Amino acid sequence: MSRLLVIIAVILILALVLGGVGALDDAANIILRILQVIFELLARLINLFVDLLKSFG
């Protein structure tokens, strides 16, 4: 879990740096795509865990 927080912190720092050079729109699009992938993976893992619990019960 701490690795995920470090990744998010690095992404936010990169957004600040890229924003300083005027590339914030591109950086924002990239960050949104990365966060979307992360949340989709988390949702799939949660769904797999719920399905696993249902199969035992």
Protein backbone atom coordinates (compact mmCIF):
# COMPACT_ATOMS: atom_id res chain seq x y z
CA MET A 1 0.00 0.00 0.00
CA SER A 2 2.85 2.39 0.77
CA ARG A 3 4.28 1.71 -2.70
CA LEU A 4 1.03 2.94 -4.21
CA LEU A 5 1.23 6.13 -2.15
CA VAL A 6 4.81 6.70 -3.32
CA ILE A 7 3.74 6.24 -6.94
CA ILE A 8 0.91 8.74 -6.52
CA ALA A 9 3.28 11.22 -4.84
CA VAL A 10 5.76 10.90 -7.73
CA ILE A 11 2.96 11.47 -10.22
CA LEU A 12 1.86 14.60 -8.39
CA ILE A 13 5.43 15.92 -8.23
CA LEU A 14 5.83 15.32 -11.95
CA ALA A 15 2.59 17.23 -12.52
CA LEU A 16 3.98 20.20 -10.60
CA VAL A 17 7.25 20.12 -12.55
CA LEU A 18 5.52 19.79 -15.91
CA GLY A 19 3.07 22.50 -14.92
CA GLY A 20 6.01 24.80 -14.32
CA VAL A 21 7.18 24.36 -17.91
CA GLY A 22 3.72 24.80 -19.40
CA ALA A 23 2.98 21.16 -20.18
CA LEU A 24 0.28 20.80 -17.54
CA ASP A 25 -2.51 19.77 -19.94
CA ASP A 26 -0.52 16.84 -21.28
CA ALA A 27 0.62 15.90 -17.80
CA ALA A 28 -2.95 16.04 -16.49
CA ASN A 29 -4.14 13.71 -19.25
CA ILE A 30 -1.36 11.25 -18.53
CA ILE A 31 -2.00 11.39 -14.78
CA LEU A 32 -5.72 10.84 -15.27
CA ARG A 33 -5.04 7.81 -17.46
CA ILE A 34 -2.63 6.35 -14.90
CA LEU A 35 -5.07 6.91 -12.05
CA GLN A 36 -7.88 5.41 -14.11
CA VAL A 37 -5.80 2.26 -14.69
CA ILE A 38 -4.93 2.05 -10.98
CA PHE A 39 -8.56 2.39 -9.92
CA GLU A 40 -9.72 -0.13 -12.52
CA LEU A 41 -7.16 -2.63 -11.25
CA LEU A 42 -8.27 -2.04 -7.66
CA ALA A 43 -11.90 -2.52 -8.65
CA ARG A 44 -11.08 -5.77 -10.43
CA LEU A 45 -9.11 -7.04 -7.44
CA ILE A 46 -12.01 -6.21 -5.13
CA ASN A 47 -14.44 -7.98 -7.47
CA LEU A 48 -12.19 -11.05 -7.60
CA PHE A 49 -11.96 -11.08 -3.81
CA VAL A 50 -15.74 -10.79 -3.46
CA ASP A 51 -16.25 -13.59 -5.98
CA LEU A 52 -13.75 -15.72 -4.08
CA LEU A 53 -15.63 -15.11 -0.83
CA LYS A 54 -18.93 -15.97 -2.52
CA SER A 55 -17.52 -19.24 -3.78
CA PHE A 56 -16.60 -20.28 -0.23
CA GLY A 57 -19.96 -19.23 1.20
